[in-house]
């Protein structure tokens, strides 16, 4: 498979194009760490749960894409990111309609931490988005609505949860 045919590499290039257009270097750096961190954790969780790591990784890369162009629109970022992700994935012609649906649904639901859906990929992306800061930023305390989910993941991954306050 050539690099042009590699789906993950194709998505990485598109995400990097978005990231490289951010002039605020601190904001750009924060998003590089976050998007790639969430993508890596999503792939890890997918492998652990017996799901497709490539789809989980792609969802992690695109889950906050609207915040790269509209950083002040956090309230609607899930819906906008899902739409932009769909456009990006379709433009590659490398993903099936079902795969695009899996990824964009996960993006659409990724901040509904307290709610569980029928899609295992939705849950992987939520979990990856919650756990990523604890291995990069080490916040003083967990975002309260996400705390039960984070504690459950720490048990699943056999990680002592003494870092969670």
N, C-alpha and C. Protein backbone atom coordinates (compact mmCIF):
# COMPACT_ATOMS: atom_id res chain seq x y z
N UNK A 1 0.85 -1.18 0.00
CA UNK A 1 0.00 0.00 0.00
C UNK A 1 0.90 1.24 0.00
N UNK A 2 0.66 2.13 -0.91
CA UNK A 2 1.45 3.36 -0.94
C UNK A 2 0.93 4.32 0.11
N UNK A 3 1.73 5.31 0.41
CA UNK A 3 1.34 6.28 1.44
C UNK A 3 0.07 7.03 1.04
N UNK A 4 -0.16 7.22 -0.29
CA UNK A 4 -1.37 7.89 -0.74
C UNK A 4 -2.62 7.05 -0.46
N UNK A 5 -2.45 5.73 -0.38
CA UNK A 5 -3.58 4.86 -0.13
C UNK A 5 -3.82 4.63 1.36
N UNK A 6 -2.89 5.04 2.19
CA UNK A 6 -3.00 4.84 3.63
C UNK A 6 -4.02 5.83 4.19
N UNK A 7 -5.12 5.30 4.68
CA UNK A 7 -6.22 6.15 5.14
C UNK A 7 -5.83 7.03 6.32
N UNK A 8 -5.15 6.46 7.28
CA UNK A 8 -4.77 7.24 8.45
C UNK A 8 -3.80 8.36 8.06
N UNK A 9 -2.83 8.05 7.22
CA UNK A 9 -1.88 9.07 6.80
C UNK A 9 -2.58 10.19 6.02
N UNK A 10 -3.55 9.82 5.23
CA UNK A 10 -4.32 10.82 4.47
C UNK A 10 -5.06 11.76 5.42
N UNK A 11 -5.70 11.21 6.44
CA UNK A 11 -6.41 12.05 7.42
C UNK A 11 -5.41 12.89 8.21
N UNK A 12 -4.28 12.31 8.60
CA UNK A 12 -3.25 13.09 9.30
C UNK A 12 -2.84 14.31 8.50
N UNK A 13 -2.61 14.13 7.22
CA UNK A 13 -2.19 15.25 6.38
C UNK A 13 -3.25 16.34 6.35
N UNK A 14 -4.51 15.94 6.25
CA UNK A 14 -5.59 16.93 6.22
C UNK A 14 -5.70 17.66 7.56
N UNK A 15 -5.57 16.94 8.66
CA UNK A 15 -5.62 17.57 9.99
C UNK A 15 -4.43 18.50 10.16
N UNK A 16 -3.26 18.05 9.74
CA UNK A 16 -2.07 18.90 9.85
C UNK A 16 -2.21 20.18 9.04
N UNK A 17 -2.88 20.10 7.90
CA UNK A 17 -3.14 21.32 7.11
C UNK A 17 -3.96 22.31 7.93
N UNK A 18 -4.99 21.82 8.61
CA UNK A 18 -5.80 22.68 9.49
C UNK A 18 -4.92 23.25 10.61
N UNK A 19 -4.16 22.38 11.25
CA UNK A 19 -3.34 22.80 12.39
C UNK A 19 -2.28 23.82 11.96
N UNK A 20 -1.65 23.60 10.83
CA UNK A 20 -0.58 24.49 10.37
C UNK A 20 -1.09 25.87 9.98
N UNK A 21 -2.40 26.01 9.79
CA UNK A 21 -2.98 27.32 9.48
C UNK A 21 -3.31 28.14 10.72
N UNK A 22 -3.12 27.56 11.90
CA UNK A 22 -3.37 28.30 13.14
C UNK A 22 -2.13 29.14 13.44
N UNK A 23 -2.33 30.45 13.52
CA UNK A 23 -1.19 31.34 13.72
C UNK A 23 -0.74 31.42 15.18
N UNK A 24 -1.65 31.21 16.11
CA UNK A 24 -1.30 31.22 17.53
C UNK A 24 -0.57 29.91 17.84
N UNK A 25 0.74 30.00 18.04
CA UNK A 25 1.54 28.79 18.21
C UNK A 25 1.18 28.00 19.46
N UNK A 26 0.77 28.68 20.51
CA UNK A 26 0.36 27.98 21.73
C UNK A 26 -0.91 27.17 21.49
N UNK A 27 -1.89 27.80 20.84
CA UNK A 27 -3.15 27.12 20.52
C UNK A 27 -2.88 25.94 19.59
N UNK A 28 -2.05 26.16 18.58
CA UNK A 28 -1.70 25.09 17.63
C UNK A 28 -1.05 23.93 18.36
N UNK A 29 -0.12 24.21 19.22
CA UNK A 29 0.58 23.17 19.97
C UNK A 29 -0.38 22.39 20.86
N UNK A 30 -1.27 23.11 21.53
CA UNK A 30 -2.27 22.46 22.39
C UNK A 30 -3.12 21.49 21.58
N UNK A 31 -3.52 21.90 20.39
CA UNK A 31 -4.36 21.03 19.57
C UNK A 31 -3.60 19.87 18.96
N UNK A 32 -2.34 20.06 18.60
CA UNK A 32 -1.54 18.91 18.15
C UNK A 32 -1.53 17.84 19.23
N UNK A 33 -1.20 18.26 20.44
CA UNK A 33 -1.12 17.31 21.56
C UNK A 33 -2.47 16.65 21.79
N UNK A 34 -3.53 17.46 21.81
CA UNK A 34 -4.85 16.93 22.12
C UNK A 34 -5.36 15.97 21.04
N UNK A 35 -5.36 16.40 19.79
CA UNK A 35 -5.91 15.57 18.72
C UNK A 35 -5.13 14.27 18.55
N UNK A 36 -3.82 14.36 18.55
CA UNK A 36 -3.02 13.15 18.39
C UNK A 36 -3.09 12.28 19.65
N UNK A 37 -3.17 12.89 20.81
CA UNK A 37 -3.33 12.13 22.04
C UNK A 37 -4.64 11.38 22.09
N UNK A 38 -5.72 12.05 21.75
CA UNK A 38 -7.04 11.40 21.73
C UNK A 38 -7.04 10.29 20.68
N UNK A 39 -6.46 10.55 19.53
CA UNK A 39 -6.41 9.51 18.48
C UNK A 39 -5.65 8.28 18.96
N UNK A 40 -4.52 8.48 19.63
CA UNK A 40 -3.75 7.35 20.13
C UNK A 40 -4.50 6.59 21.21
N UNK A 41 -5.11 7.30 22.14
CA UNK A 41 -5.89 6.61 23.18
C UNK A 41 -7.10 5.90 22.58
N UNK A 42 -7.73 6.50 21.58
CA UNK A 42 -8.87 5.85 20.94
C UNK A 42 -8.44 4.54 20.28
N UNK A 43 -7.30 4.55 19.60
CA UNK A 43 -6.80 3.32 18.98
C UNK A 43 -6.46 2.27 20.04
N UNK A 44 -5.86 2.70 21.13
CA UNK A 44 -5.53 1.78 22.22
C UNK A 44 -6.80 1.14 22.79
N UNK A 45 -7.80 1.97 23.07
CA UNK A 45 -9.05 1.46 23.62
C UNK A 45 -9.77 0.55 22.62
N UNK A 46 -9.71 0.89 21.34
CA UNK A 46 -10.33 0.03 20.32
C UNK A 46 -9.63 -1.33 20.29
N UNK A 47 -8.31 -1.33 20.36
CA UNK A 47 -7.59 -2.61 20.38
C UNK A 47 -7.97 -3.41 21.62
N UNK A 48 -8.04 -2.74 22.75
CA UNK A 48 -8.40 -3.40 24.01
C UNK A 48 -9.80 -4.00 23.94
N UNK A 49 -10.70 -3.30 23.25
CA UNK A 49 -12.11 -3.72 23.18
C UNK A 49 -12.44 -4.52 21.92
N UNK A 50 -11.42 -4.86 21.13
CA UNK A 50 -11.62 -5.71 19.96
C UNK A 50 -12.30 -5.03 18.79
N UNK A 51 -12.09 -3.71 18.65
CA UNK A 51 -12.70 -2.96 17.56
C UNK A 51 -11.63 -2.45 16.59
N UNK A 52 -12.06 -1.82 15.53
CA UNK A 52 -11.17 -1.35 14.48
C UNK A 52 -10.37 -0.13 14.96
N UNK A 53 -9.07 -0.32 15.10
CA UNK A 53 -8.22 0.76 15.62
C UNK A 53 -8.10 1.92 14.63
N UNK A 54 -8.15 1.62 13.35
CA UNK A 54 -8.03 2.67 12.33
C UNK A 54 -9.22 3.64 12.39
N UNK A 55 -10.43 3.10 12.53
CA UNK A 55 -11.61 3.97 12.63
C UNK A 55 -11.57 4.79 13.91
N UNK A 56 -11.17 4.16 15.00
CA UNK A 56 -11.09 4.88 16.27
C UNK A 56 -10.04 5.99 16.20
N UNK A 57 -8.90 5.70 15.60
CA UNK A 57 -7.84 6.69 15.46
C UNK A 57 -8.32 7.87 14.61
N UNK A 58 -8.97 7.56 13.49
CA UNK A 58 -9.48 8.63 12.62
C UNK A 58 -10.48 9.50 13.36
N UNK A 59 -11.36 8.88 14.15
CA UNK A 59 -12.34 9.65 14.93
C UNK A 59 -11.63 10.58 15.91
N UNK A 60 -10.58 10.08 16.54
CA UNK A 60 -9.82 10.91 17.47
C UNK A 60 -9.18 12.10 16.79
N UNK A 61 -8.67 11.90 15.59
CA UNK A 61 -8.03 13.00 14.87
C UNK A 61 -9.00 14.11 14.49
N UNK A 62 -10.23 13.75 14.15
CA UNK A 62 -11.17 14.75 13.63
C UNK A 62 -12.18 15.24 14.66
N UNK A 63 -12.14 14.74 15.88
CA UNK A 63 -13.25 14.99 16.81
C UNK A 63 -13.44 16.46 17.19
N UNK A 64 -12.42 17.27 17.16
CA UNK A 64 -12.54 18.69 17.50
C UNK A 64 -12.18 19.60 16.34
N UNK A 65 -12.32 19.13 15.13
CA UNK A 65 -11.83 19.88 13.97
C UNK A 65 -12.45 21.26 13.83
N UNK A 66 -13.70 21.43 14.22
CA UNK A 66 -14.32 22.76 14.07
C UNK A 66 -13.68 23.79 14.98
N UNK A 67 -13.08 23.35 16.08
CA UNK A 67 -12.42 24.29 16.99
C UNK A 67 -11.11 24.82 16.41
N UNK A 68 -10.62 24.19 15.36
CA UNK A 68 -9.41 24.68 14.71
C UNK A 68 -9.69 25.92 13.87
N UNK A 69 -10.92 26.03 13.39
CA UNK A 69 -11.29 27.19 12.57
C UNK A 69 -12.22 28.16 13.31
N UNK A 70 -12.94 27.66 14.33
CA UNK A 70 -13.85 28.50 15.11
C UNK A 70 -13.64 28.21 16.60
N UNK A 71 -12.53 28.67 17.16
CA UNK A 71 -12.21 28.32 18.55
C UNK A 71 -13.19 28.84 19.59
N UNK A 72 -13.97 29.84 19.25
CA UNK A 72 -14.90 30.41 20.22
C UNK A 72 -16.28 29.75 20.19
N UNK A 73 -16.47 28.78 19.33
CA UNK A 73 -17.78 28.14 19.19
C UNK A 73 -17.75 26.74 19.79
N UNK A 74 -17.40 26.66 21.07
CA UNK A 74 -17.32 25.36 21.73
C UNK A 74 -18.69 24.71 21.87
N UNK A 75 -19.71 25.51 22.11
CA UNK A 75 -21.04 24.97 22.37
C UNK A 75 -21.55 24.08 21.25
N UNK A 76 -21.30 24.43 20.01
CA UNK A 76 -21.78 23.66 18.86
C UNK A 76 -20.68 22.86 18.17
N UNK A 77 -19.55 22.68 18.84
CA UNK A 77 -18.41 22.10 18.13
C UNK A 77 -18.60 20.64 17.76
N UNK A 78 -19.39 19.89 18.50
CA UNK A 78 -19.59 18.47 18.15
C UNK A 78 -20.32 18.34 16.82
N UNK A 79 -21.40 19.08 16.67
CA UNK A 79 -22.17 19.02 15.44
C UNK A 79 -21.36 19.52 14.26
N UNK A 80 -20.68 20.65 14.45
CA UNK A 80 -19.88 21.22 13.37
C UNK A 80 -18.68 20.34 13.03
N UNK A 81 -18.06 19.77 14.05
CA UNK A 81 -16.92 18.88 13.79
C UNK A 81 -17.37 17.62 13.05
N UNK A 82 -18.54 17.10 13.40
CA UNK A 82 -19.06 15.91 12.70
C UNK A 82 -19.29 16.23 11.23
N UNK A 83 -19.85 17.40 10.95
CA UNK A 83 -20.10 17.78 9.55
C UNK A 83 -18.79 17.97 8.78
N UNK A 84 -17.83 18.66 9.39
CA UNK A 84 -16.55 18.87 8.72
C UNK A 84 -15.82 17.54 8.54
N UNK A 85 -15.88 16.67 9.55
CA UNK A 85 -15.26 15.35 9.45
C UNK A 85 -15.87 14.56 8.29
N UNK A 86 -17.18 14.63 8.16
CA UNK A 86 -17.85 13.92 7.06
C UNK A 86 -17.34 14.42 5.72
N UNK A 87 -17.22 15.73 5.57
CA UNK A 87 -16.73 16.31 4.32
C UNK A 87 -15.31 15.85 4.03
N UNK A 88 -14.46 15.86 5.06
CA UNK A 88 -13.07 15.44 4.88
C UNK A 88 -12.99 13.97 4.50
N UNK A 89 -13.70 13.13 5.24
CA UNK A 89 -13.65 11.69 4.97
C UNK A 89 -14.20 11.36 3.59
N UNK A 90 -15.27 12.01 3.21
CA UNK A 90 -15.85 11.77 1.88
C UNK A 90 -14.87 12.22 0.78
N UNK A 91 -14.18 13.32 1.02
CA UNK A 91 -13.27 13.85 0.00
C UNK A 91 -12.11 12.90 -0.29
N UNK A 92 -11.75 12.07 0.67
CA UNK A 92 -10.64 11.14 0.46
C UNK A 92 -11.04 9.96 -0.43
N UNK A 93 -12.33 9.65 -0.46
CA UNK A 93 -12.84 8.49 -1.20
C UNK A 93 -12.18 7.19 -0.72
N UNK A 94 -11.74 7.18 0.53
CA UNK A 94 -11.07 6.00 1.09
C UNK A 94 -11.90 5.29 2.15
N UNK A 95 -13.02 5.90 2.55
CA UNK A 95 -13.86 5.34 3.61
C UNK A 95 -15.23 5.02 3.05
N UNK A 96 -15.79 3.91 3.49
CA UNK A 96 -17.15 3.55 3.06
C UNK A 96 -18.16 4.45 3.77
N UNK A 97 -19.38 4.46 3.28
CA UNK A 97 -20.45 5.24 3.92
C UNK A 97 -20.67 4.78 5.36
N UNK A 98 -20.62 3.48 5.60
CA UNK A 98 -20.77 2.96 6.97
C UNK A 98 -19.65 3.43 7.88
N UNK A 99 -18.42 3.42 7.38
CA UNK A 99 -17.28 3.87 8.19
C UNK A 99 -17.38 5.37 8.50
N UNK A 100 -17.78 6.14 7.51
CA UNK A 100 -17.96 7.58 7.73
C UNK A 100 -19.04 7.81 8.78
N UNK A 101 -20.11 7.05 8.71
CA UNK A 101 -21.19 7.16 9.68
C UNK A 101 -20.70 6.82 11.10
N UNK A 102 -19.92 5.77 11.24
CA UNK A 102 -19.37 5.39 12.55
C UNK A 102 -18.53 6.52 13.12
N UNK A 103 -17.64 7.06 12.30
CA UNK A 103 -16.72 8.12 12.76
C UNK A 103 -17.49 9.39 13.10
N UNK A 104 -18.37 9.82 12.21
CA UNK A 104 -19.06 11.10 12.44
C UNK A 104 -20.06 11.00 13.58
N UNK A 105 -20.69 9.85 13.78
CA UNK A 105 -21.56 9.69 14.96
C UNK A 105 -20.76 9.79 16.24
N UNK A 106 -19.59 9.18 16.26
CA UNK A 106 -18.74 9.27 17.45
C UNK A 106 -18.35 10.72 17.72
N UNK A 107 -18.00 11.45 16.68
CA UNK A 107 -17.64 12.87 16.83
C UNK A 107 -18.85 13.65 17.34
N UNK A 108 -20.00 13.41 16.78
CA UNK A 108 -21.23 14.12 17.15
C UNK A 108 -21.55 13.95 18.64
N UNK A 109 -21.29 12.76 19.20
CA UNK A 109 -21.68 12.45 20.58
C UNK A 109 -20.54 12.54 21.59
N UNK A 110 -19.36 12.99 21.19
CA UNK A 110 -18.19 12.80 22.04
C UNK A 110 -18.17 13.60 23.35
N UNK A 111 -19.02 14.57 23.53
CA UNK A 111 -19.04 15.28 24.81
C UNK A 111 -20.19 14.87 25.72
N UNK A 112 -20.99 13.92 25.31
CA UNK A 112 -22.09 13.42 26.15
C UNK A 112 -21.55 12.35 27.10
N UNK A 113 -20.69 12.77 28.02
CA UNK A 113 -19.97 11.84 28.89
C UNK A 113 -20.88 11.01 29.77
N UNK A 114 -21.97 11.59 30.23
CA UNK A 114 -22.85 10.90 31.17
C UNK A 114 -23.80 9.94 30.47
N UNK A 115 -23.93 10.08 29.17
CA UNK A 115 -24.88 9.29 28.40
C UNK A 115 -24.14 8.17 27.67
N UNK A 116 -24.71 6.98 27.69
CA UNK A 116 -24.13 5.85 26.96
C UNK A 116 -25.00 5.58 25.74
N UNK A 117 -24.35 5.35 24.62
CA UNK A 117 -25.07 5.10 23.37
C UNK A 117 -24.91 3.63 22.98
N UNK A 118 -25.52 3.27 21.88
CA UNK A 118 -25.40 1.91 21.38
C UNK A 118 -24.10 1.69 20.61
N UNK A 119 -23.42 2.75 20.25
CA UNK A 119 -22.21 2.62 19.45
C UNK A 119 -20.97 2.52 20.34
N UNK A 120 -20.23 1.45 20.16
CA UNK A 120 -19.00 1.27 20.92
C UNK A 120 -17.95 2.31 20.54
N UNK A 121 -17.98 2.79 19.30
CA UNK A 121 -17.04 3.81 18.87
C UNK A 121 -17.34 5.16 19.51
N UNK A 122 -18.62 5.45 19.74
CA UNK A 122 -18.99 6.67 20.48
C UNK A 122 -18.32 6.64 21.85
N UNK A 123 -18.43 5.49 22.51
CA UNK A 123 -17.91 5.36 23.87
C UNK A 123 -16.39 5.41 23.88
N UNK A 124 -15.75 4.83 22.88
CA UNK A 124 -14.29 4.90 22.79
C UNK A 124 -13.84 6.34 22.67
N UNK A 125 -14.48 7.11 21.80
CA UNK A 125 -14.06 8.50 21.61
C UNK A 125 -14.30 9.32 22.87
N UNK A 126 -15.41 9.12 23.54
CA UNK A 126 -15.66 9.82 24.81
C UNK A 126 -14.57 9.48 25.81
N UNK A 127 -14.27 8.20 25.93
CA UNK A 127 -13.27 7.75 26.89
C UNK A 127 -11.89 8.32 26.55
N UNK A 128 -11.52 8.28 25.29
CA UNK A 128 -10.22 8.80 24.87
C UNK A 128 -10.11 10.31 25.13
N UNK A 129 -11.20 11.02 24.89
CA UNK A 129 -11.21 12.48 25.09
C UNK A 129 -11.09 12.83 26.58
N UNK A 130 -11.57 11.95 27.43
CA UNK A 130 -11.49 12.17 28.87
C UNK A 130 -10.12 11.79 29.42
N UNK A 131 -9.58 10.69 28.96
CA UNK A 131 -8.34 10.19 29.54
C UNK A 131 -7.09 10.94 29.04
N UNK A 132 -7.15 11.49 27.85
CA UNK A 132 -5.98 12.16 27.26
C UNK A 132 -5.37 13.23 28.17
N UNK A 133 -6.15 14.11 28.78
CA UNK A 133 -5.52 15.14 29.63
C UNK A 133 -4.75 14.56 30.83
N UNK A 134 -5.17 13.41 31.30
CA UNK A 134 -4.51 12.84 32.47
C UNK A 134 -3.13 12.27 32.17
N UNK A 135 -2.77 12.18 30.92
CA UNK A 135 -1.44 11.70 30.57
C UNK A 135 -0.64 12.76 29.83
N UNK A 136 -1.18 13.95 29.71
CA UNK A 136 -0.46 15.06 29.09
C UNK A 136 -0.46 16.31 29.96
N UNK A 137 -1.61 16.66 30.50
CA UNK A 137 -1.74 17.89 31.27
C UNK A 137 -1.78 17.62 32.78
N UNK A 138 -2.18 16.42 33.16
CA UNK A 138 -2.38 16.04 34.56
C UNK A 138 -3.15 17.13 35.31
N UNK A 139 -4.44 17.28 35.00
CA UNK A 139 -5.24 18.28 35.71
C UNK A 139 -5.37 17.91 37.18
N UNK A 140 -5.62 18.90 38.00
CA UNK A 140 -5.74 18.67 39.43
C UNK A 140 -6.93 17.81 39.79
N UNK A 141 -8.00 17.92 39.02
CA UNK A 141 -9.17 17.10 39.30
C UNK A 141 -9.90 16.79 38.00
N UNK A 142 -10.67 15.74 38.05
CA UNK A 142 -11.43 15.33 36.87
C UNK A 142 -12.63 16.24 36.68
N UNK A 143 -12.98 16.47 35.44
CA UNK A 143 -14.21 17.17 35.10
C UNK A 143 -15.33 16.33 35.70
N UNK A 144 -16.09 16.89 36.61
CA UNK A 144 -17.02 16.12 37.44
C UNK A 144 -17.95 15.18 36.66
N UNK A 145 -18.61 15.63 35.57
CA UNK A 145 -19.48 14.69 34.85
C UNK A 145 -18.72 13.51 34.24
N UNK A 146 -17.43 13.68 33.99
CA UNK A 146 -16.64 12.63 33.36
C UNK A 146 -15.96 11.71 34.37
N UNK A 147 -15.99 12.07 35.63
CA UNK A 147 -15.24 11.33 36.64
C UNK A 147 -15.61 9.84 36.72
N UNK A 148 -16.89 9.46 36.74
CA UNK A 148 -17.21 8.02 36.78
C UNK A 148 -16.66 7.26 35.57
N UNK A 149 -16.72 7.87 34.42
CA UNK A 149 -16.20 7.24 33.21
C UNK A 149 -14.68 7.08 33.30
N UNK A 150 -14.01 8.10 33.79
CA UNK A 150 -12.56 8.04 33.94
C UNK A 150 -12.15 6.96 34.93
N UNK A 151 -12.85 6.89 36.04
CA UNK A 151 -12.55 5.85 37.04
C UNK A 151 -12.75 4.46 36.46
N UNK A 152 -13.80 4.27 35.67
CA UNK A 152 -14.07 2.98 35.04
C UNK A 152 -12.95 2.61 34.06
N UNK A 153 -12.46 3.59 33.30
CA UNK A 153 -11.37 3.33 32.37
C UNK A 153 -10.08 2.95 33.07
N UNK A 154 -9.80 3.62 34.18
CA UNK A 154 -8.59 3.31 34.92
C UNK A 154 -8.61 1.85 35.39
N UNK A 155 -9.78 1.39 35.81
CA UNK A 155 -9.93 -0.02 36.20
C UNK A 155 -9.72 -0.92 34.98
N UNK A 156 -10.38 -0.57 33.86
CA UNK A 156 -10.26 -1.37 32.64
C UNK A 156 -8.81 -1.49 32.19
N UNK A 157 -8.05 -0.41 32.30
CA UNK A 157 -6.67 -0.40 31.85
C UNK A 157 -5.68 -0.81 32.95
N UNK A 158 -6.22 -1.17 34.11
CA UNK A 158 -5.39 -1.61 35.25
C UNK A 158 -4.36 -0.54 35.64
N UNK A 159 -4.85 0.70 35.71
CA UNK A 159 -4.02 1.84 36.09
C UNK A 159 -4.51 2.32 37.45
N UNK A 160 -3.61 2.45 38.43
CA UNK A 160 -4.04 2.97 39.72
C UNK A 160 -4.73 4.32 39.55
N UNK A 161 -5.89 4.50 40.13
CA UNK A 161 -6.63 5.73 39.92
C UNK A 161 -6.34 6.78 41.00
N UNK A 162 -5.18 6.70 41.60
CA UNK A 162 -4.84 7.70 42.61
C UNK A 162 -4.51 9.07 42.01
N UNK A 163 -4.45 9.17 40.68
CA UNK A 163 -4.22 10.48 40.06
C UNK A 163 -5.52 11.26 39.91
N UNK A 164 -6.65 10.58 40.13
CA UNK A 164 -7.95 11.23 40.00
C UNK A 164 -8.39 11.80 41.34
N UNK A 165 -8.71 13.08 41.35
CA UNK A 165 -9.21 13.70 42.58
C UNK A 165 -10.66 14.08 42.38
